[in-house]
PDB file of N, CA and C in Angstrom:
ATOM      1  N   MET A   1     -18.963  -0.568  12.031  1.00  0.00           N
ATOM      2  CA  MET A   1     -18.395  -1.833  11.192  1.00  0.00           C
ATOM      3  C   MET A   1     -17.319  -2.137  11.116  1.00  0.00           C
ATOM      4  N   LEU A   2     -16.354  -0.519  10.585  1.00  0.00           N
ATOM      5  CA  LEU A   2     -14.920  -0.482  10.098  1.00  0.00           C
ATOM      6  C   LEU A   2     -14.292  -0.200  11.455  1.00  0.00           C
ATOM      7  N   GLN A   3     -13.240  -0.863  11.453  1.00  0.00           N
ATOM      8  CA  GLN A   3     -12.272  -0.311  12.650  1.00  0.00           C
ATOM      9  C   GLN A   3     -11.229   0.694  12.328  1.00  0.00           C
ATOM     10  N   LYS A   4     -10.310   0.553  11.460  1.00  0.00           N
ATOM     11  CA  LYS A   4      -9.235   1.282  11.396  1.00  0.00           C
ATOM     12  C   LYS A   4      -8.936   1.206  10.068  1.00  0.00           C
ATOM     13  N   LEU A   5      -8.046   1.642   9.032  1.00  0.00           N
ATOM     14  CA  LEU A   5      -7.356   1.596   8.045  1.00  0.00           C
ATOM     15  C   LEU A   5      -6.574   0.544   8.064  1.00  0.00           C
ATOM     16  N   ARG A   6      -6.247  -0.377   7.595  1.00  0.00           N
ATOM     17  CA  ARG A   6      -5.079  -0.844   8.022  1.00  0.00           C
ATOM     18  C   ARG A   6      -3.631  -0.974   6.579  1.00  0.00           C
ATOM     19  N   THR A   7      -4.255  -1.349   5.503  1.00  0.00           N
ATOM     20  CA  THR A   7      -3.641  -1.438   4.247  1.00  0.00           C
ATOM     21  C   THR A   7      -3.670  -0.452   3.206  1.00  0.00           C
ATOM     22  N   VAL A   8      -2.996   0.303   2.145  1.00  0.00           N
ATOM     23  CA  VAL A   8      -3.409   0.752   1.245  1.00  0.00           C
ATOM     24  C   VAL A   8      -2.128   0.508   0.691  1.00  0.00           C
ATOM     25  N   ILE A   9      -2.325  -0.112  -0.864  1.00  0.00           N
ATOM     26  CA  ILE A   9      -1.320  -0.719  -1.649  1.00  0.00           C
ATOM     27  C   ILE A   9      -1.405   0.225  -3.223  1.00  0.00           C
ATOM     28  N   TYR A  10      -0.220   0.706  -3.468  1.00  0.00           N
ATOM     29  CA  TYR A  10      -0.586   1.310  -4.619  1.00  0.00           C
ATOM     30  C   TYR A  10       0.502   0.736  -5.758  1.00  0.00           C
ATOM     31  N   LYS A  11      -0.231   0.542  -7.145  1.00  0.00           N
ATOM     32  CA  LYS A  11       0.256   0.072  -8.051  1.00  0.00           C
ATOM     33  C   LYS A  11       1.479   1.051  -8.981  1.00  0.00           C
ATOM     34  N   VAL A  12       2.725   1.338  -9.221  1.00  0.00           N
ATOM     35  CA  VAL A  12       3.497   1.919  -9.567  1.00  0.00           C
ATOM     36  C   VAL A  12       4.470   1.918 -10.612  1.00  0.00           C
ATOM     37  N   ALA A  13       4.459   2.406 -11.453  1.00  0.00           N
ATOM     38  CA  ALA A  13       4.860   1.898 -12.931  1.00  0.00           C
ATOM     39  C   ALA A  13       6.975   1.939 -12.514  1.00  0.00           C
ATOM     40  N   ASP A  14       7.180   2.824 -11.428  1.00  0.00           N
ATOM     41  CA  ASP A  14       8.817   2.827 -11.591  1.00  0.00           C
ATOM     42  C   ASP A  14       8.533   2.557 -10.162  1.00  0.00           C
ATOM     43  N   LEU A  15       9.224   1.654  -9.448  1.00  0.00           N
ATOM     44  CA  LEU A  15       9.023   1.376  -8.050  1.00  0.00           C
ATOM     45  C   LEU A  15      10.229   2.033  -7.228  1.00  0.00           C
ATOM     46  N   GLN A  16      11.336   2.159  -8.295  1.00  0.00           N
ATOM     47  CA  GLN A  16      12.229   3.065  -7.204  1.00  0.00           C
ATOM     48  C   GLN A  16      11.975   4.599  -7.543  1.00  0.00           C
ATOM     49  N   LYS A  17      11.567   5.064  -8.221  1.00  0.00           N
ATOM     50  CA  LYS A  17      11.280   6.663  -8.313  1.00  0.00           C
ATOM     51  C   LYS A  17      10.137   6.986  -6.960  1.00  0.00           C
ATOM     52  N   ALA A  18       9.086   5.761  -7.039  1.00  0.00           N
ATOM     53  CA  ALA A  18       7.914   5.761  -6.122  1.00  0.00           C
ATOM     54  C   ALA A  18       8.263   5.709  -5.048  1.00  0.00           C
ATOM     55  N   LYS A  19       9.285   5.038  -4.696  1.00  0.00           N
ATOM     56  CA  LYS A  19      10.470   4.273  -3.132  1.00  0.00           C
ATOM     57  C   LYS A  19      10.732   5.882  -2.939  1.00  0.00           C
ATOM     58  N   GLU A  20      11.577   6.549  -3.762  1.00  0.00           N
ATOM     59  CA  GLU A  20      12.440   7.763  -3.159  1.00  0.00           C
ATOM     60  C   GLU A  20      11.112   8.633  -2.872  1.00  0.00           C
ATOM     61  N   TRP A  21      10.168   8.962  -3.354  1.00  0.00           N
ATOM     62  CA  TRP A  21       9.393   9.807  -3.272  1.00  0.00           C
ATOM     63  C   TRP A  21       8.731   9.797  -1.996  1.00  0.00           C
ATOM     64  N   TYR A  22       8.039   8.596  -1.617  1.00  0.00           N
ATOM     65  CA  TYR A  22       7.043   8.127  -0.335  1.00  0.00           C
ATOM     66  C   TYR A  22       8.325   8.035   0.923  1.00  0.00           C
ATOM     67  N   THR A  23       9.423   7.643   0.207  1.00  0.00           N
ATOM     68  CA  THR A  23      10.714   8.174   1.846  1.00  0.00           C
ATOM     69  C   THR A  23      10.673   9.639   1.633  1.00  0.00           C
ATOM     70  N   SER A  24      10.777   9.853   0.923  1.00  0.00           N
ATOM     71  CA  SER A  24      10.939  11.306   1.268  1.00  0.00           C
ATOM     72  C   SER A  24       9.523  12.521   1.848  1.00  0.00           C
ATOM     73  N   LEU A  25       8.419  11.469   1.449  1.00  0.00           N
ATOM     74  CA  LEU A  25       7.514  12.165   1.867  1.00  0.00           C
ATOM     75  C   LEU A  25       7.051  11.774   3.763  1.00  0.00           C
ATOM     76  N   ALA A  26       7.243  10.326   3.503  1.00  0.00           N
ATOM     77  CA  ALA A  26       7.044  10.048   4.974  1.00  0.00           C
ATOM     78  C   ALA A  26       7.669  10.489   5.711  1.00  0.00           C
ATOM     79  N   GLY A  27       8.961  10.719   5.691  1.00  0.00           N
ATOM     80  CA  GLY A  27      10.383  10.638   6.228  1.00  0.00           C
ATOM     81  C   GLY A  27      11.068   9.850   7.341  1.00  0.00           C
ATOM     82  N   THR A  28      10.457   8.239   6.243  1.00  0.00           N
ATOM     83  CA  THR A  28      11.244   7.156   6.877  1.00  0.00           C
ATOM     84  C   THR A  28      11.561   5.927   5.469  1.00  0.00           C
ATOM     85  N   LYS A  29      12.323   4.994   6.210  1.00  0.00           N
ATOM     86  CA  LYS A  29      12.502   4.034   4.898  1.00  0.00           C
ATOM     87  C   LYS A  29      11.572   3.149   5.419  1.00  0.00           C
ATOM     88  N   PRO A  30      11.413   2.623   4.146  1.00  0.00           N
ATOM     89  CA  PRO A  30      10.464   0.911   3.953  1.00  0.00           C
ATOM     90  C   PRO A  30      11.432   0.192   4.968  1.00  0.00           C
ATOM     91  N   TYR A  31      10.268  -0.970   5.606  1.00  0.00           N
ATOM     92  CA  TYR A  31      10.589  -1.852   6.216  1.00  0.00           C
ATOM     93  C   TYR A  31      11.016  -3.017   5.638  1.00  0.00           C
ATOM     94  N   PHE A  32      10.049  -2.914   4.375  1.00  0.00           N
ATOM     95  CA  PHE A  32      10.456  -4.203   3.293  1.00  0.00           C
ATOM     96  C   PHE A  32      10.457  -3.765   2.449  1.00  0.00           C
ATOM     97  N   ASP A  33      11.719  -3.943   1.296  1.00  0.00           N
ATOM     98  CA  ASP A  33      12.395  -3.739   0.252  1.00  0.00           C
ATOM     99  C   ASP A  33      12.595  -4.309  -0.461  1.00  0.00           C
ATOM    100  N   GLU A  34      11.868  -5.257  -1.543  1.00  0.00           N
ATOM    101  CA  GLU A  34      12.484  -6.424  -2.675  1.00  0.00           C
ATOM    102  C   GLU A  34      11.950  -5.952  -3.781  1.00  0.00           C
ATOM    103  N   PRO A  35      12.572  -6.223  -4.582  1.00  0.00           N
ATOM    104  CA  PRO A  35      11.607  -5.537  -6.167  1.00  0.00           C
ATOM    105  C   PRO A  35      10.221  -6.044  -6.618  1.00  0.00           C
ATOM    106  N   PHE A  36      10.047  -6.722  -5.673  1.00  0.00           N
ATOM    107  CA  PHE A  36       8.249  -7.062  -6.150  1.00  0.00           C
ATOM    108  C   PHE A  36       7.266  -6.236  -4.862  1.00  0.00           C
ATOM    109  N   TYR A  37       7.327  -5.921  -4.356  1.00  0.00           N
ATOM    110  CA  TYR A  37       6.934  -4.935  -3.360  1.00  0.00           C
ATOM    111  C   TYR A  37       7.856  -4.166  -2.122  1.00  0.00           C
ATOM    112  N   VAL A  38       7.564  -2.495  -2.038  1.00  0.00           N
ATOM    113  CA  VAL A  38       8.119  -2.176  -0.849  1.00  0.00           C
ATOM    114  C   VAL A  38       7.320  -1.536   0.266  1.00  0.00           C
ATOM    115  N   GLY A  39       7.328  -1.666   1.342  1.00  0.00           N
ATOM    116  CA  GLY A  39       6.071  -1.540   2.456  1.00  0.00           C
ATOM    117  C   GLY A  39       6.738  -0.471   3.438  1.00  0.00           C
ATOM    118  N   PHE A  40       5.764   0.399   3.573  1.00  0.00           N
ATOM    119  CA  PHE A  40       6.166   1.495   4.902  1.00  0.00           C
ATOM    120  C   PHE A  40       5.294   1.178   6.152  1.00  0.00           C
ATOM    121  N   GLU A  41       5.568   1.626   6.836  1.00  0.00           N
ATOM    122  CA  GLU A  41       4.976   1.912   7.992  1.00  0.00           C
ATOM    123  C   GLU A  41       4.706   2.855   8.754  1.00  0.00           C
ATOM    124  N   ILE A  42       3.847   3.595   8.738  1.00  0.00           N
ATOM    125  CA  ILE A  42       3.226   4.525   8.935  1.00  0.00           C
ATOM    126  C   ILE A  42       2.283   4.736   9.310  1.00  0.00           C
ATOM    127  N   GLY A  43       2.614   5.234  11.301  1.00  0.00           N
ATOM    128  CA  GLY A  43       1.672   5.678  12.087  1.00  0.00           C
ATOM    129  C   GLY A  43       0.433   4.331  12.230  1.00  0.00           C
ATOM    130  N   GLY A  44       0.736   3.058  12.193  1.00  0.00           N
ATOM    131  CA  GLY A  44       0.005   1.895  12.636  1.00  0.00           C
ATOM    132  C   GLY A  44      -0.631   1.109  11.559  1.00  0.00           C
ATOM    133  N   CYS A  45      -0.268   2.029  10.240  1.00  0.00           N
ATOM    134  CA  CYS A  45      -0.592   1.263   8.733  1.00  0.00           C
ATOM    135  C   CYS A  45       0.587   1.245   7.739  1.00  0.00           C
ATOM    136  N   GLU A  46       0.652   0.517   6.953  1.00  0.00           N
ATOM    137  CA  GLU A  46       0.952   0.168   6.033  1.00  0.00           C
ATOM    138  C   GLU A  46       0.242   0.584   4.718  1.00  0.00           C
ATOM    139  N   LEU A  47       1.587   1.520   3.967  1.00  0.00           N
ATOM    140  CA  LEU A  47       1.718   1.975   2.523  1.00  0.00           C
ATOM    141  C   LEU A  47       2.248   0.693   1.741  1.00  0.00           C
ATOM    142  N   GLY A  48       2.046   0.798   1.137  1.00  0.00           N
ATOM    143  CA  GLY A  48       2.927  -0.620  -0.121  1.00  0.00           C
ATOM    144  C   GLY A  48       2.392   0.222  -1.439  1.00  0.00           C
ATOM    145  N   LEU A  49       3.668  -0.305  -2.132  1.00  0.00           N
ATOM    146  CA  LEU A  49       4.023  -0.137  -3.658  1.00  0.00           C
ATOM    147  C   LEU A  49       4.028  -1.545  -4.286  1.00  0.00           C
ATOM    148  N   ASP A  50       3.409  -1.473  -5.498  1.00  0.00           N
ATOM    149  CA  ASP A  50       3.228  -3.134  -6.007  1.00  0.00           C
ATOM    150  C   ASP A  50       3.710  -2.394  -7.535  1.00  0.00           C
ATOM    151  N   PRO A  51       5.101  -2.765  -7.960  1.00  0.00           N
ATOM    152  CA  PRO A  51       4.872  -2.517  -9.160  1.00  0.00           C
ATOM    153  C   PRO A  51       4.492  -3.496 -10.389  1.00  0.00           C
ATOM    154  N   ASP A  52       4.059  -4.474  -9.772  1.00  0.00           N
ATOM    155  CA  ASP A  52       2.752  -5.444 -10.710  1.00  0.00           C
ATOM    156  C   ASP A  52       2.039  -4.467 -11.639  1.00  0.00           C
ATOM    157  N   MET A  53       1.895  -4.415 -12.953  1.00  0.00           N
ATOM    158  CA  MET A  53       1.190  -3.432 -13.794  1.00  0.00           C
ATOM    159  C   MET A  53      -0.016  -4.016 -14.484  1.00  0.00           C
ATOM    160  N   ASP A  54       0.543  -5.365 -14.335  1.00  0.00           N
ATOM    161  CA  ASP A  54      -0.226  -6.836 -15.331  1.00  0.00           C
ATOM    162  C   ASP A  54      -1.993  -6.308 -15.107  1.00  0.00           C
ATOM    163  N   ASN A  55      -2.503  -6.373 -16.198  1.00  0.00           N
ATOM    164  CA  ASN A  55      -3.864  -6.011 -15.827  1.00  0.00           C
ATOM    165  C   ASN A  55      -4.535  -4.802 -15.067  1.00  0.00           C
ATOM    166  N   THR A  56      -3.572  -3.942 -14.879  1.00  0.00           N
ATOM    167  CA  THR A  56      -3.970  -2.563 -14.633  1.00  0.00           C
ATOM    168  C   THR A  56      -4.778  -1.554 -15.344  1.00  0.00           C
ATOM    169  N   LYS A  57      -6.101  -1.646 -14.947  1.00  0.00           N
ATOM    170  CA  LYS A  57      -6.331  -0.041 -16.020  1.00  0.00           C
ATOM    171  C   LYS A  57      -6.405   1.042 -15.167  1.00  0.00           C
ATOM    172  N   PRO A  58      -6.176   2.263 -15.953  1.00  0.00           N
ATOM    173  CA  PRO A  58      -6.495   3.683 -15.902  1.00  0.00           C
ATOM    174  C   PRO A  58      -7.396   3.622 -14.507  1.00  0.00           C
ATOM    175  N   GLY A  59      -6.991   4.382 -13.340  1.00  0.00           N
ATOM    176  CA  GLY A  59      -8.223   4.938 -12.483  1.00  0.00           C
ATOM    177  C   GLY A  59      -8.388   3.755 -11.138  1.00  0.00           C
ATOM    178  N   ASN A  60      -7.637   2.540 -11.761  1.00  0.00           N
ATOM    179  CA  ASN A  60      -8.056   1.113 -10.779  1.00  0.00           C
ATOM    180  C   ASN A  60      -6.072   1.045 -10.222  1.00  0.00           C
ATOM    181  N   GLN A  61      -5.595   1.636  -9.623  1.00  0.00           N
ATOM    182  CA  GLN A  61      -4.730   1.603  -9.090  1.00  0.00           C
ATOM    183  C   GLN A  61      -4.113   1.696  -7.361  1.00  0.00           C
ATOM    184  N   SER A  62      -4.721   1.232  -6.884  1.00  0.00           N
ATOM    185  CA  SER A  62      -4.867   1.355  -5.552  1.00  0.00           C
ATOM    186  C   SER A  62      -5.629   0.396  -4.510  1.00  0.00           C
ATOM    187  N   THR A  63      -5.354  -0.063  -3.732  1.00  0.00           N
ATOM    188  CA  THR A  63      -6.119  -1.213  -3.135  1.00  0.00           C
ATOM    189  C   THR A  63      -6.162  -1.094  -1.634  1.00  0.00           C
ATOM    190  N   ALA A  64      -7.257  -0.742  -0.792  1.00  0.00           N
ATOM    191  CA  ALA A  64      -7.467  -0.288   0.636  1.00  0.00           C
ATOM    192  C   ALA A  64      -7.886  -1.502   1.434  1.00  0.00           C
ATOM    193  N   TYR A  65      -7.213  -1.951   2.662  1.00  0.00           N
ATOM    194  CA  TYR A  65      -7.554  -3.088   2.917  1.00  0.00           C
ATOM    195  C   TYR A  65      -8.195  -2.127   4.735  1.00  0.00           C
ATOM    196  N   TRP A  66      -9.070  -2.799   5.175  1.00  0.00           N
ATOM    197  CA  TRP A  66      -9.822  -2.196   6.870  1.00  0.00           C
ATOM    198  C   TRP A  66      -9.953  -3.793   7.437  1.00  0.00           C
ATOM    199  N   ALA A  67      -9.528  -3.365   8.745  1.00  0.00           N
ATOM    200  CA  ALA A  67      -9.825  -4.006   9.778  1.00  0.00           C
ATOM    201  C   ALA A  67     -11.536  -3.821  10.289  1.00  0.00           C
ATOM    202  N   VAL A  68     -11.898  -4.927  10.436  1.00  0.00           N
ATOM    203  CA  VAL A  68     -13.637  -4.844  11.308  1.00  0.00           C
ATOM    204  C   VAL A  68     -13.549  -5.944  12.162  1.00  0.00           C
ATOM    205  N   ALA A  69     -14.427  -5.977  13.265  1.00  0.00           N
ATOM    206  CA  ALA A  69     -14.545  -6.877  14.233  1.00  0.00           C
ATOM    207  C   ALA A  69     -14.989  -8.186  14.052  1.00  0.00           C
ATOM    208  N   ASP A  70     -16.244  -8.185  12.719  1.00  0.00           N
ATOM    209  CA  ASP A  70     -16.360  -9.720  12.181  1.00  0.00           C
ATOM    210  C   ASP A  70     -16.237  -9.471  10.620  1.00  0.00           C
ATOM    211  N   ILE A  71     -15.757 -10.385  10.316  1.00  0.00           N
ATOM    212  CA  ILE A  71     -15.887 -10.528   8.123  1.00  0.00           C
ATOM    213  C   ILE A  71     -16.825 -11.100   8.306  1.00  0.00           C
ATOM    214  N   GLY A  72     -17.419 -12.067   8.684  1.00  0.00           N
ATOM    215  CA  GLY A  72     -18.836 -12.332   8.141  1.00  0.00           C
ATOM    216  C   GLY A  72     -19.675 -11.516   7.718  1.00  0.00           C
ATOM    217  N   ALA A  73     -19.674 -10.378   9.013  1.00  0.00           N
ATOM    218  CA  ALA A  73     -21.086  -9.473   9.198  1.00  0.00           C
ATOM    219  C   ALA A  73     -20.383  -8.425   8.016  1.00  0.00           C
ATOM    220  N   ALA A  74     -19.632  -8.203   8.477  1.00  0.00           N
ATOM    221  CA  ALA A  74     -18.785  -6.785   7.337  1.00  0.00           C
ATOM    222  C   ALA A  74     -18.992  -7.628   5.780  1.00  0.00           C
ATOM    223  N   VAL A  75     -18.794  -8.518   5.210  1.00  0.00           N
ATOM    224  CA  VAL A  75     -19.148  -9.346   3.815  1.00  0.00           C
ATOM    225  C   VAL A  75     -20.810  -8.951   3.490  1.00  0.00           C
TER     226      VAL A  75
END
């Protein structure tokens, strides 16, 4: 049913520090770089950094989005 991982978004308390760390780790600069979101394209997938920590609870700091052929069937 799942085709591939499309996007993973991490909530980050310090966007600048996280951006620097992931830039070093991935060996590439973000393709999208704004104060509200930073996005990297890595191997056909997106790694996103979201600085909005409102309503974020410990252990709930990432969201993954998967590609599926039929969303109705997947749901």
